Each structure stands twice: as structure tokens, then as C-alpha cells.
Protein backbone atom coordinates (compact mmCIF):
# COMPACT_ATOMS: atom_id res chain seq x y z
CA MET A 1 18.45 1.94 -6.34
CA ALA A 2 17.68 4.69 -3.80
CA LEU A 3 14.12 5.41 -2.90
CA ARG A 4 13.51 9.01 -4.30
CA SER A 5 10.85 11.34 -2.93
CA LEU A 6 7.49 10.54 -3.66
CA LEU A 7 6.36 14.05 -3.99
CA THR A 8 8.44 15.90 -6.78
CA ARG A 9 6.57 18.92 -7.95
CA LYS A 10 3.80 21.15 -7.02
CA THR A 11 0.80 22.18 -9.06
CA THR A 12 -0.66 25.78 -8.53
CA LEU A 13 -4.41 25.16 -8.32
CA GLY A 14 -6.76 28.03 -7.54
CA LEU A 15 -9.77 28.32 -5.18
CA GLY A 16 -7.82 27.16 -2.13
CA LEU A 17 -5.86 24.17 -3.56
CA ARG A 18 -2.59 26.13 -4.22
CA GLY A 19 0.17 23.66 -3.19
CA LEU A 20 -1.51 20.46 -4.01
CA GLN A 21 1.22 17.99 -5.18
CA THR A 22 1.53 15.78 -8.18
CA PHE A 23 3.54 12.63 -7.81
CA SER A 24 6.27 10.64 -9.88
CA LEU A 25 7.07 6.88 -9.52
CA PRO A 26 9.45 5.99 -6.77
CA ASP A 27 12.18 3.98 -7.29
CA LEU A 28 12.45 0.55 -5.68
CA PRO A 29 15.07 -0.18 -2.91
CA TYR A 30 15.91 -3.41 -4.56
CA ASP A 31 15.97 -4.84 -8.16
CA TYR A 32 12.83 -6.41 -9.74
CA GLY A 33 14.32 -9.90 -9.57
CA ALA A 34 15.30 -9.60 -5.87
CA LEU A 35 12.32 -11.17 -4.29
CA GLU A 36 12.35 -14.19 -6.42
CA PRO A 37 11.25 -16.94 -5.87
CA ALA A 38 8.34 -15.59 -3.68
CA ILE A 39 7.69 -12.78 -6.20
CA SER A 40 8.86 -13.06 -9.84
CA GLY A 41 10.90 -10.33 -11.44
CA GLU A 42 8.28 -10.12 -14.21
CA ILE A 43 5.54 -9.36 -12.01
CA MET A 44 7.51 -6.79 -9.89
CA GLN A 45 8.35 -4.90 -13.19
CA LEU A 46 4.76 -4.81 -14.45
CA HIS A 47 3.32 -3.99 -11.13
CA HIS A 48 5.76 -1.19 -10.36
CA HIS A 49 6.54 0.15 -13.86
CA LYS A 50 3.13 -0.20 -15.51
CA HIS A 51 0.31 -0.39 -12.70
CA HIS A 52 1.82 1.90 -10.10
CA GLN A 53 2.79 4.31 -12.90
CA ALA A 54 -0.72 4.19 -14.33
CA TYR A 55 -2.05 5.48 -10.96
CA ILE A 56 0.28 8.23 -10.72
CA THR A 57 -0.50 9.34 -14.30
CA ASN A 58 -4.26 9.31 -13.86
CA TYR A 59 -3.92 10.93 -10.50
CA ASN A 60 -1.81 13.92 -11.98
CA LYS A 61 -4.26 14.15 -15.02
CA ALA A 62 -7.36 14.31 -12.58
CA LEU A 63 -5.72 17.14 -10.65
CA GLU A 64 -5.02 19.21 -13.72
CA GLN A 65 -8.78 18.52 -14.68
CA LEU A 66 -9.70 19.64 -11.37
CA GLU A 67 -8.04 22.88 -11.70
CA GLY A 68 -9.89 23.49 -14.95
CA ALA A 69 -13.21 22.60 -13.41
CA LEU A 70 -12.87 24.80 -10.41
CA ALA A 71 -11.85 27.79 -12.65
CA LYS A 72 -14.98 27.27 -14.79
CA GLY A 73 -17.26 26.56 -11.64
CA ASP A 74 -18.19 23.27 -13.29
CA THR A 75 -19.76 21.48 -10.23
CA THR A 76 -20.62 18.28 -12.08
CA SER A 77 -17.02 17.75 -13.27
CA ILE A 78 -15.67 18.70 -9.82
CA VAL A 79 -17.89 15.93 -8.24
CA LYS A 80 -17.03 13.37 -10.87
CA LEU A 81 -13.44 13.81 -10.40
CA GLN A 82 -13.34 12.93 -6.83
CA SER A 83 -13.75 9.27 -7.45
CA ALA A 84 -10.65 9.41 -9.90
CA ILE A 85 -8.70 11.21 -7.44
CA LYS A 86 -9.49 8.73 -4.68
CA PHE A 87 -8.90 5.73 -6.53
CA ASN A 88 -5.67 6.65 -8.13
CA GLY A 89 -4.34 8.70 -5.36
CA GLY A 90 -5.15 5.67 -3.05
CA GLY A 91 -3.27 3.37 -5.59
CA HIS A 92 -0.32 5.58 -5.20
CA ILE A 93 -0.36 5.70 -1.39
CA ASN A 94 -1.01 1.87 -1.21
CA HIS A 95 1.68 0.93 -3.44
CA SER A 96 4.20 3.18 -2.01
CA ILE A 97 3.72 1.40 1.44
CA PHE A 98 3.72 -1.85 -0.26
CA TRP A 99 7.14 -1.75 -1.78
CA LYS A 100 8.51 -0.79 1.80
CA ASN A 101 6.71 -3.72 3.19
CA LEU A 102 8.91 -6.05 0.97
CA THR A 103 12.64 -6.73 0.88
CA PRO A 104 14.84 -9.65 -0.34
CA VAL A 105 15.59 -12.54 2.03
CA ARG A 106 19.35 -11.67 2.14
CA GLU A 107 18.33 -8.24 3.49
CA GLY A 108 16.05 -9.69 6.21
CA GLY A 109 12.99 -10.58 4.42
CA GLY A 110 10.77 -12.68 6.30
CA GLU A 111 12.61 -12.28 9.60
CA PRO A 112 10.02 -12.13 12.48
CA PRO A 113 9.48 -8.98 14.11
CA HIS A 114 10.88 -8.57 17.74
CA SER A 115 11.10 -5.51 19.90
CA SER A 116 7.80 -3.69 20.94
CA LEU A 117 5.88 -4.83 17.76
CA GLY A 118 6.75 -8.42 18.49
CA TRP A 119 5.29 -8.19 21.87
CA ALA A 120 2.25 -6.13 20.51
CA ILE A 121 1.45 -8.90 18.16
CA ASP A 122 1.78 -11.72 20.76
CA THR A 123 -0.56 -9.53 23.06
CA ASN A 124 -3.35 -8.87 20.32
CA PHE A 125 -3.23 -12.07 18.55
CA GLY A 126 -1.51 -14.66 20.76
CA SER A 127 1.21 -15.35 18.25
CA LEU A 128 2.77 -14.11 14.89
CA GLU A 129 1.75 -17.45 13.35
CA VAL A 130 -1.95 -16.64 14.35
CA LEU A 131 -1.65 -13.18 12.98
CA VAL A 132 -0.46 -14.49 9.72
CA GLN A 133 -3.24 -16.82 9.44
CA LYS A 134 -5.72 -14.21 10.07
CA ILE A 135 -4.32 -11.84 7.45
CA ASN A 136 -4.08 -14.76 4.86
CA SER A 137 -7.64 -15.84 5.56
CA GLU A 138 -9.06 -12.42 5.40
CA GLY A 139 -7.01 -11.52 2.17
CA ALA A 140 -8.10 -14.88 0.48
CA ALA A 141 -11.57 -14.17 1.33
CA LEU A 142 -11.74 -10.67 -0.01
CA GLN A 143 -14.04 -10.56 -2.94
CA GLY A 144 -12.86 -8.88 -6.06
CA SER A 145 -9.66 -6.53 -5.72
CA GLY A 146 -8.55 -4.93 -2.68
CA TRP A 147 -5.78 -4.87 0.23
CA VAL A 148 -5.36 -6.72 3.58
CA TRP A 149 -3.74 -4.67 6.25
CA LEU A 150 -2.06 -4.94 9.71
CA GLY A 151 -2.81 -1.62 11.23
CA LEU A 152 -2.32 0.26 14.52
CA ASP A 153 -5.43 1.78 16.17
CA LYS A 154 -3.94 4.91 17.60
CA GLU A 155 -7.03 5.39 19.81
CA SER A 156 -7.27 2.13 21.40
CA LYS A 157 -3.51 1.45 21.08
CA LYS A 158 -4.38 -2.05 19.63
CA LEU A 159 -3.37 -3.79 16.36
CA VAL A 160 -6.03 -4.73 14.02
CA VAL A 161 -6.53 -6.46 10.77
CA GLU A 162 -8.62 -4.78 8.10
CA THR A 163 -9.46 -5.12 4.40
CA THR A 164 -10.11 -2.47 2.06
CA ALA A 165 -11.74 -2.50 -1.50
CA ASN A 166 -10.17 -1.52 -4.77
CA GLN A 167 -7.49 1.21 -3.93
CA ASP A 168 -8.94 2.53 -0.80
CA PRO A 169 -6.05 3.24 1.75
CA LEU A 170 -6.48 2.03 5.38
CA VAL A 171 -7.41 5.50 6.43
CA THR A 172 -10.84 5.14 4.90
CA LYS A 173 -11.69 2.72 7.65
CA GLY A 174 -10.88 5.25 10.31
CA GLN A 175 -8.78 8.37 10.75
CA HIS A 176 -7.11 6.74 13.71
CA LEU A 177 -5.78 3.77 11.60
CA VAL A 178 -2.07 3.69 10.80
CA PRO A 179 -0.93 0.91 8.27
CA LEU A 180 2.05 -1.09 9.45
CA LEU A 181 1.86 -3.66 6.62
CA GLY A 182 -0.33 -3.87 3.53
CA ILE A 183 -0.62 -6.69 1.20
CA ASP A 184 -1.93 -6.15 -2.38
CA VAL A 185 -4.52 -8.80 -3.36
CA TRP A 186 -5.29 -7.36 -6.81
CA GLU A 187 -4.80 -10.19 -9.46
CA HIS A 188 -1.95 -8.03 -10.98
CA ALA A 189 0.00 -8.64 -7.96
CA TYR A 190 0.32 -12.33 -8.35
CA TYR A 191 -1.68 -13.81 -11.40
CA LEU A 192 1.32 -14.29 -13.80
CA GLN A 193 3.10 -16.55 -11.35
CA TYR A 194 0.34 -17.92 -9.10
CA LYS A 195 -2.55 -17.94 -11.54
CA ASN A 196 -6.03 -17.62 -9.56
CA VAL A 197 -4.43 -19.26 -6.50
CA ARG A 198 -4.49 -16.33 -4.20
CA PRO A 199 -3.67 -18.31 -0.98
CA ASP A 200 -0.38 -19.64 -2.53
CA TYR A 201 0.52 -16.02 -3.23
CA LEU A 202 -0.21 -14.81 0.55
CA LYS A 203 1.36 -17.99 1.86
CA ASN A 204 4.72 -17.21 0.10
CA ILE A 205 4.95 -13.28 0.40
CA TRP A 206 5.81 -13.76 4.02
CA LYS A 207 9.21 -14.91 3.05
CA VAL A 208 10.04 -11.36 1.82
CA ILE A 209 8.00 -9.30 4.18
CA ASN A 210 10.17 -6.60 5.69
CA TRP A 211 9.08 -6.37 9.36
CA LYS A 212 11.78 -3.83 9.95
CA TYR A 213 9.77 -1.29 8.20
CA ALA A 214 6.61 -2.13 10.14
CA ILE A 215 8.69 -2.01 13.47
CA GLU A 216 9.96 1.46 12.63
CA VAL A 217 6.47 2.72 11.94
CA TYR A 218 5.18 1.16 15.13
CA GLY A 219 7.64 2.71 17.08
CA LYS A 220 7.00 6.21 15.87
CA GLU A 221 3.14 5.98 15.92
CA SER A 222 2.65 4.04 19.26
CA LYS A 223 4.09 6.61 21.42
């Protein structure tokens, strides 16, 4: 399936918000079962078709409500809607990256990064193995729901590992941070297959990590 555009139609909002875009669910570039046995087809279908779709539906709804609140000058509602827009918009942003961070083994999933990103990983962490251990450790230790990220700090030109709570995108940790790789550690990403053993999920997901995507982003953003 081809990955169609994430941004599909514009809403016309008043008071300086004309042109804000609503979202529709992006297709996956692989079948739901293509990542097995690392991630089951059942999880992928529910995660993509149900959870990601829910973030999109609720984000679009919040934008419509914001339009009405702005038209009425309803400051209380405008403020309340900010959390829904951040949460659901973040859910869409994060998952759109996540799907690209994964690919079937037959298409290169799990193949270690080379080129400039491979060198940067060795420079910043010592080795890929050390980086994976760090990401797995921080992802497993994250309380509640959230994400663990490999990012590029565009100010220092260094790679960093960060965690974010709930559906906060990496940019909430700093405007200069660019996500290269994000792993969803919400229970809906693994519970049906791994139950409550998050470390096993984190261990196995590396078998289908799409380092080619991370290499592409790093090449563009590190210049």
C-alpha cells in the first residue's frame, strides 16, 4: 500500500487560523502482518486502524470546536481545547513517524545503520549496541505511557536519547530536537502479544526497525 499524504484537506478557521489542516489516516507501506513475529498483525491492525484513527478523529473534532469557540469569543473553551489538540495532534505526529520507523525484515528491517548516521552513533554512544541498550533501558523505565526517542540536537549537532510522556512529540523537549527514531511504549503497542513485559517488546522491535528512514532524516537535518 502506498503512503498517501498525511494532510488531506483544509478547514477554514477565523481569527487568524485560516488554513489549519485536518488529518486523515495514512496508509501503511506494508501489510499488517508483515512485521511478524516481532509485532503481530492483530496489534498492527488495532494500533493503526483504531488507535491512530482515534487521535485523528479527535484532533479534527477539536479543531472544529475551536472554530466555534473562537467565533463566540469563548475563552474558557479555547483554553480547554488546547490539551485535546496537543494530545491528539501529538498522537498523529508520533504515530506517523512510528510507522516509517518500521519495515519488514525482507525489506531491510533490523539492518544496522551505516553511512554518516552509523558514524554519529559510534561517536555519541560508543556503538549501536550501547545505543540500543540505552533506548531499551529508558523505554522500559518510563512510567505510564509515552515514547522513547533517538533524536538529533541541531544546536549541538549531537544525537540524544529522550523520553516523552503520553503523546507529547519530541519537539516538546526542545525546538531544536529532530526525531530520527521513536518507539511507542504505550501498552496498546504491545500488550496483546507481550502482555505486561515491555522489555521483551523493546528487545524484539529492533528486528524490524527501519534504519534507512532514520539515515534519510539525519542526512537532511545534520547539514
